Amino acid sequence: MSNRFESFTTGFMRLSPARKMAIAGLLLAVSILIAYSNSFNTGFHFDDSHQIVKNQHIRHLGNIPEFFTDASTASYEPGRRLYRPVTLAGFAVSYAFSGYSPAGYHIFNISLHLINSFLVLLLVQAILKDAGYKEAFIVSLAASLVFALHPVQTAAVTYISGSAALLATFFYLSAFLCFVRFRGAGQTPGVRKYLFAALAPLFYLLGLLSKEIAATLPAAMLAYDLLFVIPKSGGIRRARMAWAIYLPFAAVLLAFVSVKNALQGFLVDNQLSYTSGEYLLSEMKVLIMYMRLLLLPVNQNSDYFLQPARHIDIKVAASVLVAALIVYLLYRTRKKFPALTFFGAWFFIALLPESSVFPIDDIAFEHRLYLPSVGFIAAMVLMLYTLTKARAAKAGAAIAVLAAFGILTFGRNSVWATDATLWSDAASKSGSVRAYANLGHALLIEGRYSTALAALNTALKIDPDYTQVYAVHNNIGLCLLELGMNDEAVEEFNRSAQAYPEAVEPVGNIGLAYLRMGRYGDAAGMFKKAVAMNPGYGLFHLRLAQAYDNMQNYDGALEEARTALSLAGDEEQRREAGELVSRLDTMGR
């Protein structure tokens, strides 16, 4: 058996580089399509609601130039600003092809993941060749397959808004590979070498415009220079002009930070309940959890909802010691195993934007591992390949790991199927207030009002002062409204509006309750208030049209119905608004 395997391996390695790459690409494509075959109809989750489903800005491709000059176009909520214009353009393109069908967005994400997996193959192979490995292609193929099938990637690939991480990683990898082709000794002769030098900063800019995680690219480039280029050129003292290579990247980063700060209005969210120092301590604990997830991807959770570390405790100290030991070992082995040191450095460098001193809403999220996992996975594959001597054993281990990861990925995708399945899983694992609040909302959408009420009330019991308590009260009100308890529903909507006066939903929902109660004038008053708060929210234009219709104000009803049709947030709203416009138009004739 081993002799046959040796013959097969030898024959494969004798193929031309182009044929080997073609086979590798086909293998990656087939593996990813099988593992993600059950994800094409997975629904919208988390930020998908305000960035895609309700965001009127992405519904016209002509709005794309505006994404680069107006940070408010990233959401339907006027006060929610985010500057990621390339990601937003991706949403607009997906909407143009598939509207509110999730399939088009998933095709976009899975295609990006396939391309990124192939780029990982190219990157790992380039690093291993620089380090002098003879079997660089086999190791890089194994690393790219593990990256492609690792179940932790579902948090970026299956989550539609995860395309921000996918796009940033695509441009990050592309820029780095261009840098290697330019900087690597003797790899790219002539004019092409300088073409790669010009493309690298451009890809870096596009990565930053996709997601801020791309900012660390110059640090990864520096690690490459220190480990592979400078030692071959006689050391740092002789690399006098090396710093000039980084000037275009520094200029790009400075320009991006300046524009982002001007358009978005902030660089760090100052409304969080923890400081930069507390966030750093928290991330040290999360680091160990991230490494565990990459090594043993079980018990995944879409809502870890971790509490910030307020001081240095035993867990923080242990995590710091482990991280320091790893960094020390990587440094000590830099000359003997430069590739291993580089991949380890990549992991820590790529984590910095979201796991350092820049506080983010959540302490931990799995999609933050997408770019860092490139280095971690490559390091682990290289270590296992080096330690395992027999080729048959290497192949058997690789097949077992890839099969297990593919099965786990397929299973994890089923959890992402709907909001109800996702938050039911999270509630059972974390028991957090957010998990139960979002589970209640998901059950409400599915029409399971009594079960939704139970989940929402559980959320209030866990934390009555939850930061999103207004949404909990609003959803309780909607459940009560559907159960025919109109007066009680109005009370809940009022509680929601008191908790968050800027929220438009409870104001409009009070109008909906009045509409159900036949108080059309009062309903119209509330809908007009809601429309004034957020003119782009099509649902309340539709409800105002219905109130006017019942008041026999047909001109006003027609105007609002037409506005609702142009802003429709989903197919149901589009159908309702279209039918109303058609009927009122007929009456006008």
Protein backbone atom coordinates (compact mmCIF):
# COMPACT_ATOMS: atom_id res chain seq x y z
CA MET A 1 0.00 0.00 0.00
CA SER A 2 2.78 2.37 0.96
CA ASN A 3 4.64 1.56 -2.28
CA ARG A 4 1.57 2.47 -4.33
CA PHE A 5 1.21 5.70 -2.43
CA GLU A 6 4.89 6.52 -2.97
CA SER A 7 4.45 5.89 -6.71
CA PHE A 8 1.37 8.08 -6.86
CA THR A 9 3.10 10.89 -4.96
CA THR A 10 6.17 10.70 -7.14
CA GLY A 11 4.06 10.80 -10.29
CA PHE A 12 2.05 13.75 -9.02
CA MET A 13 5.15 15.74 -8.13
CA ARG A 14 6.53 15.21 -11.65
CA LEU A 15 3.59 17.05 -13.17
CA SER A 16 4.20 20.55 -14.50
CA PRO A 17 3.59 23.43 -12.05
CA ALA A 18 0.59 24.57 -14.11
CA ARG A 19 -1.06 21.13 -13.95
CA LYS A 20 -0.42 20.82 -10.24
CA MET A 21 -1.99 24.24 -9.65
CA ALA A 22 -5.00 23.31 -11.79
CA ILE A 23 -5.52 20.11 -9.80
CA ALA A 24 -5.12 22.04 -6.55
CA GLY A 25 -7.70 24.62 -7.64
CA LEU A 26 -10.17 21.90 -8.63
CA LEU A 27 -9.63 20.08 -5.35
CA LEU A 28 -10.24 23.27 -3.38
CA ALA A 29 -13.38 24.08 -5.37
CA VAL A 30 -14.90 20.62 -4.96
CA SER A 31 -14.07 20.50 -1.24
CA ILE A 32 -15.56 23.93 -0.52
CA LEU A 33 -18.70 23.30 -2.59
CA ILE A 34 -19.37 20.05 -0.73
CA ALA A 35 -18.72 21.53 2.73
CA TYR A 36 -20.82 24.64 2.05
CA SER A 37 -23.51 22.97 -0.11
CA ASN A 38 -26.12 23.44 2.64
CA SER A 39 -25.42 27.15 3.16
CA PHE A 40 -26.80 28.77 0.00
CA ASN A 41 -30.23 29.47 1.51
CA THR A 42 -28.94 30.36 4.98
CA GLY A 43 -30.69 33.55 6.10
CA PHE A 44 -29.58 37.03 7.12
CA HIS A 45 -28.11 37.50 10.61
CA PHE A 46 -26.59 40.14 12.90
CA ASP A 47 -25.52 43.24 10.94
CA ASP A 48 -27.17 41.90 7.78
CA SER A 49 -30.39 43.53 8.93
CA HIS A 50 -29.22 47.15 9.01
CA GLN A 51 -26.48 46.82 6.37
CA ILE A 52 -28.41 44.86 3.73
CA VAL A 53 -32.07 44.04 4.34
CA LYS A 54 -33.17 47.51 5.45
CA ASN A 55 -30.44 49.54 3.77
CA GLN A 56 -31.96 51.43 0.86
CA HIS A 57 -28.54 52.71 -0.24
CA ILE A 58 -27.42 49.35 -1.67
CA ARG A 59 -30.47 48.97 -3.92
CA HIS A 60 -29.00 51.00 -6.77
CA LEU A 61 -25.56 50.44 -8.32
CA GLY A 62 -25.49 54.14 -9.10
CA ASN A 63 -25.05 54.82 -5.38
CA ILE A 64 -21.63 53.11 -5.27
CA PRO A 65 -19.59 56.35 -5.68
CA GLU A 66 -21.48 57.77 -2.68
CA PHE A 67 -20.24 54.89 -0.51
CA PHE A 68 -16.73 56.37 -0.75
CA THR A 69 -17.80 59.82 0.44
CA ASP A 70 -20.63 59.18 2.93
CA ALA A 71 -20.18 56.78 5.86
CA SER A 72 -23.91 56.90 6.69
CA THR A 73 -24.71 54.84 3.56
CA ALA A 74 -23.46 51.71 5.36
CA SER A 75 -26.73 51.40 7.29
CA TYR A 76 -30.39 52.28 7.12
CA GLU A 77 -29.98 53.89 10.55
CA PRO A 78 -28.92 57.52 9.93
CA GLY A 79 -26.74 57.73 13.04
CA ARG A 80 -24.90 54.46 12.40
CA ARG A 81 -21.79 55.34 10.43
CA LEU A 82 -19.25 52.87 9.05
CA TYR A 83 -16.63 53.46 6.39
CA ARG A 84 -16.20 50.23 4.38
CA PRO A 85 -17.15 51.33 0.85
CA VAL A 86 -15.71 48.31 -1.02
CA THR A 87 -17.68 45.91 1.18
CA LEU A 88 -20.79 48.01 0.67
CA ALA A 89 -20.23 47.93 -3.08
CA GLY A 90 -20.12 44.13 -2.83
CA PHE A 91 -23.52 44.17 -1.15
CA ALA A 92 -24.89 46.41 -3.90
CA VAL A 93 -23.64 44.05 -6.61
CA SER A 94 -25.12 41.03 -4.82
CA TYR A 95 -28.44 42.87 -4.43
CA ALA A 96 -28.46 43.73 -8.14
CA PHE A 97 -28.20 40.01 -8.96
CA SER A 98 -30.40 38.43 -6.29
CA GLY A 99 -32.35 41.11 -4.41
CA TYR A 100 -33.32 39.70 -1.02
CA SER A 101 -32.60 36.09 -1.91
CA PRO A 102 -29.66 35.01 0.30
CA ALA A 103 -28.30 32.70 -2.41
CA GLY A 104 -26.59 35.48 -4.37
CA TYR A 105 -24.79 36.80 -1.30
CA HIS A 106 -23.64 33.29 -0.37
CA ILE A 107 -22.34 32.67 -3.89
CA PHE A 108 -20.32 35.88 -3.54
CA ASN A 109 -18.89 34.84 -0.14
CA ILE A 110 -18.12 31.26 -1.12
CA SER A 111 -16.43 32.41 -4.32
CA LEU A 112 -14.25 34.78 -2.29
CA HIS A 113 -13.43 31.99 0.15
CA LEU A 114 -12.35 29.75 -2.73
CA ILE A 115 -10.11 32.47 -4.16
CA ASN A 116 -8.64 33.21 -0.74
CA SER A 117 -7.93 29.51 -0.19
CA PHE A 118 -6.01 29.41 -3.47
CA LEU A 119 -4.09 32.56 -2.46
CA VAL A 120 -3.19 30.84 0.82
CA LEU A 121 -1.70 28.02 -1.26
CA LEU A 122 0.41 30.53 -3.22
CA LEU A 123 1.49 32.39 -0.08
CA VAL A 124 2.51 29.30 1.88
CA GLN A 125 4.35 27.89 -1.12
CA ALA A 126 6.27 31.15 -1.63
CA ILE A 127 7.33 31.27 2.03
CA LEU A 128 8.37 27.62 2.09
CA LYS A 129 10.39 28.01 -1.11
CA ASP A 130 12.19 30.98 0.42
CA ALA A 131 12.89 28.80 3.46
CA GLY A 132 14.33 26.05 1.25
CA TYR A 133 11.66 23.34 1.61
CA LYS A 134 11.74 20.81 -1.23
CA GLU A 135 8.12 19.69 -0.80
CA ALA A 136 6.70 23.19 -0.56
CA PHE A 137 3.76 22.45 -2.86
CA ILE A 138 2.45 19.47 -0.85
CA VAL A 139 2.61 21.38 2.45
CA SER A 140 1.00 24.49 0.93
CA LEU A 141 -1.79 22.40 -0.63
CA ALA A 142 -2.50 20.77 2.73
CA ALA A 143 -2.52 24.17 4.47
CA SER A 144 -4.88 25.67 1.89
CA LEU A 145 -7.30 22.73 2.21
CA VAL A 146 -7.32 22.99 6.00
CA PHE A 147 -7.95 26.74 5.68
CA ALA A 148 -10.75 26.09 3.18
CA LEU A 149 -12.55 23.46 5.29
CA HIS A 150 -11.89 24.67 8.84
CA PRO A 151 -15.29 25.07 10.57
CA VAL A 152 -14.30 28.31 12.29
CA GLN A 153 -14.38 29.97 8.85
CA THR A 154 -18.18 29.58 8.73
CA ALA A 155 -18.41 32.68 10.93
CA ALA A 156 -17.03 34.69 8.02
CA VAL A 157 -18.17 32.67 5.00
CA THR A 158 -21.73 31.68 6.00
CA TYR A 159 -22.40 34.98 7.76
CA ILE A 160 -23.26 37.26 4.85
CA SER A 161 -21.77 40.43 6.39
CA GLY A 162 -18.63 38.38 6.91
CA SER A 163 -17.76 39.37 3.36
CA ALA A 164 -15.96 42.35 4.91
CA ALA A 165 -13.35 39.96 6.35
CA LEU A 166 -13.30 37.93 3.13
CA LEU A 167 -12.68 40.99 0.94
CA ALA A 168 -10.07 42.46 3.27
CA THR A 169 -8.27 39.09 3.35
CA PHE A 170 -8.39 38.81 -0.45
CA PHE A 171 -6.73 42.20 -0.92
CA TYR A 172 -4.33 41.59 2.01
CA LEU A 173 -3.11 38.31 0.52
CA SER A 174 -2.95 39.79 -2.98
CA ALA A 175 -0.90 42.76 -1.77
CA PHE A 176 1.45 40.54 0.21
CA LEU A 177 2.02 38.19 -2.73
CA CYS A 178 2.76 41.19 -4.96
CA PHE A 179 5.25 42.42 -2.37
CA VAL A 180 6.93 39.00 -2.28
CA ARG A 181 7.17 38.91 -6.09
CA PHE A 182 8.80 42.34 -5.99
CA ARG A 183 10.97 41.89 -2.90
CA GLY A 184 11.92 38.21 -3.17
CA ALA A 185 15.42 37.65 -4.53
CA GLY A 186 15.40 36.92 -8.26
CA GLN A 187 11.78 35.78 -8.44
CA THR A 188 10.35 38.31 -10.87
CA PRO A 189 12.69 39.90 -13.42
CA GLY A 190 12.21 42.99 -15.54
CA VAL A 191 9.22 45.33 -15.75
CA ARG A 192 6.84 42.81 -14.16
CA LYS A 193 8.71 43.19 -10.89
CA TYR A 194 7.83 46.89 -10.73
CA LEU A 195 4.27 46.20 -11.79
CA PHE A 196 3.93 44.07 -8.66
CA ALA A 197 5.49 46.90 -6.65
CA ALA A 198 2.79 49.28 -7.94
CA LEU A 199 -0.07 46.82 -7.39
CA ALA A 200 0.77 46.04 -3.77
CA PRO A 201 -0.15 49.51 -2.32
CA LEU A 202 -3.29 49.56 -4.48
CA PHE A 203 -4.44 46.21 -3.09
CA TYR A 204 -3.58 47.47 0.40
CA LEU A 205 -5.86 50.47 -0.07
CA LEU A 206 -8.72 48.29 -1.32
CA GLY A 207 -8.22 46.02 1.68
CA LEU A 208 -8.49 48.96 4.09
CA LEU A 209 -11.63 50.12 2.29
CA SER A 210 -13.09 46.64 2.86
CA LYS A 211 -12.28 46.31 6.57
CA GLU A 212 -9.74 47.88 8.89
CA ILE A 213 -8.06 44.53 9.64
CA ALA A 214 -5.92 45.08 6.53
CA ALA A 215 -3.97 47.78 8.39
CA THR A 216 -1.32 45.33 9.64
CA LEU A 217 -0.03 44.39 6.17
CA PRO A 218 3.19 46.46 6.47
CA ALA A 219 4.02 44.57 9.69
CA ALA A 220 3.65 41.23 7.86
CA MET A 221 5.84 42.60 5.07
CA LEU A 222 8.48 43.66 7.59
CA ALA A 223 8.44 40.18 9.14
CA TYR A 224 9.09 38.73 5.67
CA ASP A 225 11.92 41.18 5.04
CA LEU A 226 13.59 40.47 8.38
CA LEU A 227 13.37 36.70 8.02
CA PHE A 228 14.04 36.12 4.32
CA VAL A 229 15.32 39.17 2.43
CA ILE A 230 17.63 41.14 4.72
CA PRO A 231 19.63 38.11 5.94
CA LYS A 232 20.39 37.22 2.29
CA SER A 233 21.43 40.79 1.48
CA GLY A 234 24.06 41.01 4.22
CA GLY A 235 22.03 42.11 7.22
CA ILE A 236 20.19 45.26 8.29
CA ARG A 237 23.21 47.55 7.95
CA ARG A 238 23.44 46.81 4.24
CA ALA A 239 19.69 47.15 3.65
CA ARG A 240 19.92 50.93 3.75
CA MET A 241 17.12 51.61 1.26
CA ALA A 242 14.71 48.97 2.57
CA TRP A 243 12.69 51.59 4.42
CA ALA A 244 11.78 53.36 1.15
CA ILE A 245 9.71 50.37 0.05
CA TYR A 246 7.31 51.03 2.90
CA LEU A 247 6.67 54.69 2.12
CA PRO A 248 3.73 54.08 -0.29
CA PHE A 249 2.07 51.83 2.29
CA ALA A 250 2.56 54.42 5.02
CA ALA A 251 1.04 57.07 2.77
CA VAL A 252 -1.95 54.83 1.99
CA LEU A 253 -2.54 54.07 5.67
CA LEU A 254 -2.25 57.73 6.69
CA ALA A 255 -4.66 58.82 3.95
CA PHE A 256 -7.15 56.10 4.87
CA VAL A 257 -7.10 56.93 8.59
CA SER A 258 -7.57 60.63 7.84
CA VAL A 259 -10.50 60.08 5.47
CA LYS A 260 -12.11 57.49 7.73
CA ASN A 261 -11.83 59.78 10.74
CA ALA A 262 -13.34 62.68 8.80
CA LEU A 263 -16.25 60.68 7.34
CA GLN A 264 -17.04 58.25 10.11
CA GLY A 265 -16.45 60.71 12.91
CA PHE A 266 -14.49 58.40 15.23
CA LEU A 267 -11.72 55.83 15.26
CA VAL A 268 -12.60 54.07 18.52
CA ASP A 269 -16.07 53.65 20.03
CA ASN A 270 -16.10 55.68 23.24
CA GLN A 271 -19.54 54.41 24.32
CA LEU A 272 -18.26 51.03 25.51
CA SER A 273 -18.31 50.01 29.16
CA TYR A 274 -14.63 49.03 29.19
CA THR A 275 -11.36 50.87 28.64
CA SER A 276 -8.59 50.12 26.17
CA GLY A 277 -6.56 48.52 28.95
CA GLU A 278 -9.44 46.32 30.08
CA TYR A 279 -10.08 45.29 26.48
CA LEU A 280 -6.41 44.29 26.09
CA LEU A 281 -6.58 42.15 29.24
CA SER A 282 -9.76 40.54 27.94
CA GLU A 283 -8.17 39.80 24.58
CA MET A 284 -5.29 38.00 26.27
CA LYS A 285 -7.79 35.49 27.64
CA VAL A 286 -9.56 35.33 24.28
CA LEU A 287 -6.23 34.54 22.59
CA ILE A 288 -6.11 31.15 24.29
CA MET A 289 -9.73 30.49 23.33
CA TYR A 290 -8.98 31.42 19.71
CA MET A 291 -6.03 29.01 19.58
CA ARG A 292 -8.19 26.26 21.08
CA LEU A 293 -10.85 26.86 18.44
CA LEU A 294 -8.26 26.60 15.67
CA LEU A 295 -6.79 23.40 17.11
CA LEU A 296 -10.04 21.81 18.27
CA PRO A 297 -13.06 23.47 16.56
CA VAL A 298 -15.85 22.12 18.73
CA ASN A 299 -18.51 23.86 20.82
CA GLN A 300 -18.51 26.87 18.50
CA ASN A 301 -20.76 29.74 19.49
CA SER A 302 -22.10 32.75 17.65
CA ASP A 303 -22.45 34.67 20.91
CA TYR A 304 -19.67 34.17 23.46
CA PHE A 305 -20.84 37.40 25.17
CA LEU A 306 -17.74 37.48 27.38
CA GLN A 307 -17.45 39.96 30.22
CA PRO A 308 -14.40 42.26 30.14
CA ALA A 309 -11.44 41.57 32.43
CA ARG A 310 -11.20 44.46 34.91
CA HIS A 311 -7.85 43.41 36.39
CA ILE A 312 -5.08 40.85 35.98
CA ASP A 313 -6.37 37.53 37.29
CA ILE A 314 -5.02 33.99 37.06
CA LYS A 315 -6.50 33.40 33.60
CA VAL A 316 -5.07 36.64 32.24
CA ALA A 317 -1.65 35.90 33.74
CA ALA A 318 -1.64 32.33 32.37
CA SER A 319 -2.63 33.58 28.92
CA VAL A 320 0.12 36.21 28.93
CA LEU A 321 2.68 33.58 29.93
CA VAL A 322 1.56 31.19 27.17
CA ALA A 323 1.62 33.97 24.55
CA ALA A 324 5.05 35.16 25.75
CA LEU A 325 6.42 31.60 25.62
CA ILE A 326 5.16 31.12 22.06
CA VAL A 327 6.67 34.43 20.94
CA TYR A 328 9.97 33.53 22.65
CA LEU A 329 10.12 30.13 20.94
CA LEU A 330 9.32 31.67 17.57
CA TYR A 331 12.12 34.18 18.05
CA ARG A 332 14.64 31.54 19.12
CA THR A 333 13.85 29.34 16.10
CA ARG A 334 13.85 32.18 13.56
CA LYS A 335 17.17 31.16 11.96
CA LYS A 336 16.63 27.42 11.87
CA PHE A 337 12.91 27.53 11.02
CA PRO A 338 12.20 30.97 9.49
CA ALA A 339 8.98 29.80 7.81
CA LEU A 340 7.54 28.62 11.12
CA THR A 341 8.51 31.91 12.75
CA PHE A 342 6.91 33.87 9.92
CA PHE A 343 3.60 31.98 10.10
CA GLY A 344 3.48 32.43 13.87
CA ALA A 345 4.21 36.13 13.49
CA TRP A 346 1.43 36.38 10.88
CA PHE A 347 -1.09 34.99 13.39
CA PHE A 348 -0.21 37.52 16.09
CA ILE A 349 0.15 40.45 13.68
CA ALA A 350 -3.20 39.84 11.97
CA LEU A 351 -4.98 39.66 15.34
CA LEU A 352 -3.79 43.11 16.41
CA PRO A 353 -6.54 45.33 14.91
CA GLU A 354 -9.33 43.49 16.75
CA SER A 355 -7.47 41.96 19.70
CA SER A 356 -5.31 44.68 21.18
CA VAL A 357 -6.03 48.14 22.64
CA PHE A 358 -8.76 49.21 20.22
CA PRO A 359 -12.05 48.30 21.94
CA ILE A 360 -14.83 46.74 19.88
CA ASP A 361 -18.42 45.97 20.84
CA ASP A 362 -17.75 42.27 21.46
CA ILE A 363 -14.81 40.75 23.29
CA ALA A 364 -14.72 37.73 20.96
CA PHE A 365 -16.14 36.78 17.58
CA GLU A 366 -15.12 33.83 15.45
CA HIS A 367 -15.05 35.72 12.16
CA ARG A 368 -12.07 37.70 13.53
CA LEU A 369 -9.97 34.57 13.07
CA TYR A 370 -10.34 34.43 9.29
CA LEU A 371 -7.17 36.36 8.36
CA PRO A 372 -5.06 35.35 11.40
CA SER A 373 -5.91 31.68 10.84
CA VAL A 374 -3.79 31.71 7.66
CA GLY A 375 -0.61 31.87 9.75
CA PHE A 376 -1.79 29.56 12.52
CA ILE A 377 -2.96 26.83 10.14
CA ALA A 378 0.19 27.05 8.01
CA ALA A 379 2.37 26.76 11.14
CA MET A 380 0.46 23.73 12.43
CA VAL A 381 0.50 21.94 9.06
CA LEU A 382 4.22 22.60 8.66
CA MET A 383 4.99 21.28 12.16
CA LEU A 384 2.92 18.13 11.70
CA TYR A 385 4.37 17.48 8.25
CA THR A 386 7.91 17.86 9.59
CA LEU A 387 7.33 15.66 12.64
CA THR A 388 5.58 12.86 10.71
CA LYS A 389 8.15 10.88 8.76
CA ALA A 390 6.22 8.32 6.67
CA ARG A 391 4.41 9.77 3.65
CA ALA A 392 1.51 7.35 4.01
CA ALA A 393 1.03 8.47 7.62
CA LYS A 394 1.10 12.11 6.51
CA ALA A 395 -1.54 11.43 3.88
CA GLY A 396 -3.72 9.46 6.27
CA ALA A 397 -3.59 12.17 8.92
CA ALA A 398 -4.35 14.87 6.34
CA ILE A 399 -7.34 12.98 4.93
CA ALA A 400 -8.72 12.32 8.43
CA VAL A 401 -8.39 15.97 9.50
CA LEU A 402 -9.90 17.31 6.27
CA ALA A 403 -12.82 14.88 6.40
CA ALA A 404 -13.51 15.79 10.04
CA PHE A 405 -13.32 19.52 9.31
CA GLY A 406 -15.57 19.19 6.27
CA ILE A 407 -18.21 17.35 8.33
CA LEU A 408 -17.98 19.92 11.14
CA THR A 409 -18.30 22.79 8.64
CA PHE A 410 -21.37 21.19 7.06
CA GLY A 411 -22.90 20.75 10.52
CA ARG A 412 -22.09 24.29 11.60
CA ASN A 413 -23.77 25.66 8.47
CA SER A 414 -27.01 23.99 9.54
CA VAL A 415 -26.85 25.99 12.77
CA TRP A 416 -26.65 29.20 10.71
CA ALA A 417 -29.75 28.19 8.72
CA THR A 418 -32.14 30.65 10.38
CA ASP A 419 -32.04 33.20 13.19
CA ALA A 420 -34.03 30.79 15.33
CA THR A 421 -31.56 27.91 14.89
CA LEU A 422 -28.56 30.20 15.37
CA TRP A 423 -29.82 31.87 18.55
CA SER A 424 -31.28 28.69 19.98
CA ASP A 425 -27.80 27.18 19.74
CA ALA A 426 -26.22 30.28 21.31
CA ALA A 427 -28.76 30.43 24.13
CA SER A 428 -28.14 26.79 25.02
CA LYS A 429 -24.37 27.38 25.16
CA SER A 430 -23.92 30.85 26.63
CA GLY A 431 -27.31 31.55 28.23
CA SER A 432 -26.65 35.25 27.65
CA VAL A 433 -29.23 38.01 27.68
CA ARG A 434 -28.40 38.83 24.05
CA ALA A 435 -28.88 35.23 22.94
CA TYR A 436 -32.35 35.06 24.51
CA ALA A 437 -33.27 38.54 23.25
CA ASN A 438 -32.32 37.62 19.69
CA LEU A 439 -33.95 34.20 19.99
CA GLY A 440 -37.17 35.92 20.99
CA HIS A 441 -36.96 38.21 17.97
CA ALA A 442 -36.29 35.25 15.66
CA LEU A 443 -39.27 33.31 17.03
CA LEU A 444 -41.41 36.44 16.63
CA ILE A 445 -40.46 36.62 12.94
CA GLU A 446 -41.44 32.97 12.55
CA GLY A 447 -44.86 33.67 14.11
CA ARG A 448 -44.23 31.65 17.30
CA TYR A 449 -45.48 34.44 19.53
CA SER A 450 -45.99 32.63 22.84
CA THR A 451 -42.58 30.93 22.65
CA ALA A 452 -41.03 34.24 21.64
CA LEU A 453 -42.57 35.95 24.69
CA ALA A 454 -41.02 33.33 26.96
CA ALA A 455 -37.54 33.91 25.47
CA LEU A 456 -37.89 37.71 25.64
CA ASN A 457 -39.04 37.63 29.26
CA THR A 458 -36.10 35.36 30.07
CA ALA A 459 -33.80 38.02 28.61
CA LEU A 460 -35.34 40.67 30.90
CA LYS A 461 -34.89 38.40 33.92
CA ILE A 462 -31.22 37.82 33.11
CA ASP A 463 -30.46 41.55 32.75
CA PRO A 464 -33.22 44.19 33.10
CA ASP A 465 -30.60 46.86 32.25
CA TYR A 466 -29.44 45.21 29.02
CA THR A 467 -28.11 47.81 26.60
CA GLN A 468 -30.64 46.73 23.96
CA VAL A 469 -33.57 46.53 26.37
CA TYR A 470 -35.56 48.87 24.12
CA ALA A 471 -35.53 46.19 21.41
CA VAL A 472 -36.69 43.55 23.90
CA HIS A 473 -39.67 45.68 24.96
CA ASN A 474 -40.43 46.48 21.32
CA ASN A 475 -40.48 42.78 20.41
CA ILE A 476 -42.62 41.93 23.42
CA GLY A 477 -45.04 44.58 22.20
CA LEU A 478 -45.14 43.03 18.73
CA CYS A 479 -45.86 39.59 20.23
CA LEU A 480 -48.69 41.03 22.32
CA LEU A 481 -50.04 42.88 19.28
CA GLU A 482 -50.19 39.65 17.28
CA LEU A 483 -51.90 37.92 20.20
CA GLY A 484 -54.63 40.60 20.15
CA MET A 485 -53.50 42.38 23.34
CA ASN A 486 -53.37 45.87 21.82
CA ASP A 487 -53.40 48.00 24.99
CA GLU A 488 -50.65 45.92 26.60
CA ALA A 489 -48.67 46.17 23.36
CA VAL A 490 -48.85 49.99 23.43
CA GLU A 491 -47.48 49.93 26.99
CA GLU A 492 -44.49 47.88 25.86
CA PHE A 493 -43.86 50.14 22.86
CA ASN A 494 -43.89 53.15 25.19
CA ARG A 495 -41.36 51.43 27.47
CA SER A 496 -39.19 50.81 24.41
CA ALA A 497 -39.42 54.45 23.29
CA GLN A 498 -38.55 55.65 26.80
CA ALA A 499 -35.49 53.37 26.93
CA TYR A 500 -34.21 54.66 23.58
CA PRO A 501 -35.93 57.85 22.34
CA GLU A 502 -33.97 57.80 19.05
CA ALA A 503 -35.40 54.40 18.02
CA VAL A 504 -37.97 54.65 15.22
CA GLU A 505 -39.48 51.16 15.54
CA PRO A 506 -41.45 51.61 18.79
CA VAL A 507 -42.89 54.92 17.54
CA GLY A 508 -44.10 53.34 14.33
CA ASN A 509 -45.37 50.26 16.18
CA ILE A 510 -47.55 52.41 18.45
CA GLY A 511 -49.06 53.65 15.20
CA LEU A 512 -49.54 50.04 14.10
CA ALA A 513 -51.40 49.27 17.32
CA TYR A 514 -53.64 52.30 16.79
CA LEU A 515 -54.23 51.15 13.21
CA ARG A 516 -55.35 47.74 14.47
CA MET A 517 -57.64 49.48 16.99
CA GLY A 518 -59.27 51.63 14.29
CA ARG A 519 -57.79 54.88 15.65
CA TYR A 520 -56.68 55.99 12.20
CA GLY A 521 -55.96 59.64 13.00
CA ASP A 522 -53.77 58.70 15.98
CA ALA A 523 -52.08 56.04 13.86
CA ALA A 524 -51.31 58.55 11.10
CA GLY A 525 -49.81 60.93 13.66
CA MET A 526 -47.43 58.24 14.96
CA PHE A 527 -46.48 57.10 11.46
CA LYS A 528 -45.70 60.67 10.41
CA LYS A 529 -43.46 61.00 13.46
CA ALA A 530 -41.69 57.75 12.58
CA VAL A 531 -41.22 58.83 8.95
CA ALA A 532 -39.79 62.16 10.09
CA MET A 533 -37.30 60.29 12.32
CA ASN A 534 -36.16 58.04 9.47
CA PRO A 535 -37.45 58.96 5.99
CA GLY A 536 -35.77 55.91 4.45
CA TYR A 537 -37.74 53.34 6.47
CA GLY A 538 -40.23 52.11 3.86
CA LEU A 539 -42.46 50.08 6.21
CA PHE A 540 -43.81 53.11 8.03
CA HIS A 541 -44.46 54.97 4.77
CA LEU A 542 -46.62 51.97 3.85
CA ARG A 543 -48.44 52.00 7.18
CA LEU A 544 -49.02 55.77 6.87
CA ALA A 545 -50.50 55.14 3.42
CA GLN A 546 -52.84 52.54 4.93
CA ALA A 547 -53.89 54.96 7.68
CA TYR A 548 -54.59 57.68 5.09
CA ASP A 549 -56.50 55.16 2.99
CA ASN A 550 -58.78 54.36 5.94
CA MET A 551 -59.24 58.10 6.54
CA GLN A 552 -60.22 58.46 2.84
CA ASN A 553 -57.24 60.75 2.25
CA TYR A 554 -56.53 59.01 -1.06
CA ASP A 555 -54.05 61.55 -2.45
CA GLY A 556 -51.91 61.31 0.67
CA ALA A 557 -52.26 57.53 0.66
CA LEU A 558 -51.10 57.28 -2.97
CA GLU A 559 -48.08 59.50 -2.37
CA GLU A 560 -46.98 57.50 0.68
CA ALA A 561 -47.65 54.18 -1.05
CA ARG A 562 -45.43 55.18 -3.97
CA THR A 563 -42.68 56.21 -1.55
CA ALA A 564 -43.08 52.89 0.29
CA LEU A 565 -42.79 51.01 -3.00
CA SER A 566 -39.50 52.72 -3.82
CA LEU A 567 -38.11 51.97 -0.34
CA ALA A 568 -39.58 48.49 0.20
CA GLY A 569 -37.38 46.54 2.62
CA ASP A 570 -38.49 43.09 1.46
CA GLU A 571 -40.73 41.35 -1.05
CA GLU A 572 -43.77 41.36 1.27
CA GLN A 573 -43.58 45.15 1.66
CA ARG A 574 -43.08 45.52 -2.08
CA ARG A 575 -46.19 43.40 -2.75
CA GLU A 576 -48.36 45.32 -0.24
CA ALA A 577 -47.22 48.71 -1.48
CA GLY A 578 -47.65 47.68 -5.13
CA GLU A 579 -51.20 46.47 -4.57
CA LEU A 580 -52.11 49.68 -2.74
CA VAL A 581 -50.62 51.88 -5.46
CA SER A 582 -52.45 49.89 -8.13
CA ARG A 583 -55.81 50.19 -6.34
CA LEU A 584 -55.43 53.90 -5.59
CA ASP A 585 -54.33 54.61 -9.17
CA THR A 586 -57.44 52.84 -10.45
CA MET A 587 -59.62 54.91 -8.12
CA GLY A 588 -57.97 58.11 -9.38
CA ARG A 589 -58.85 57.27 -12.95
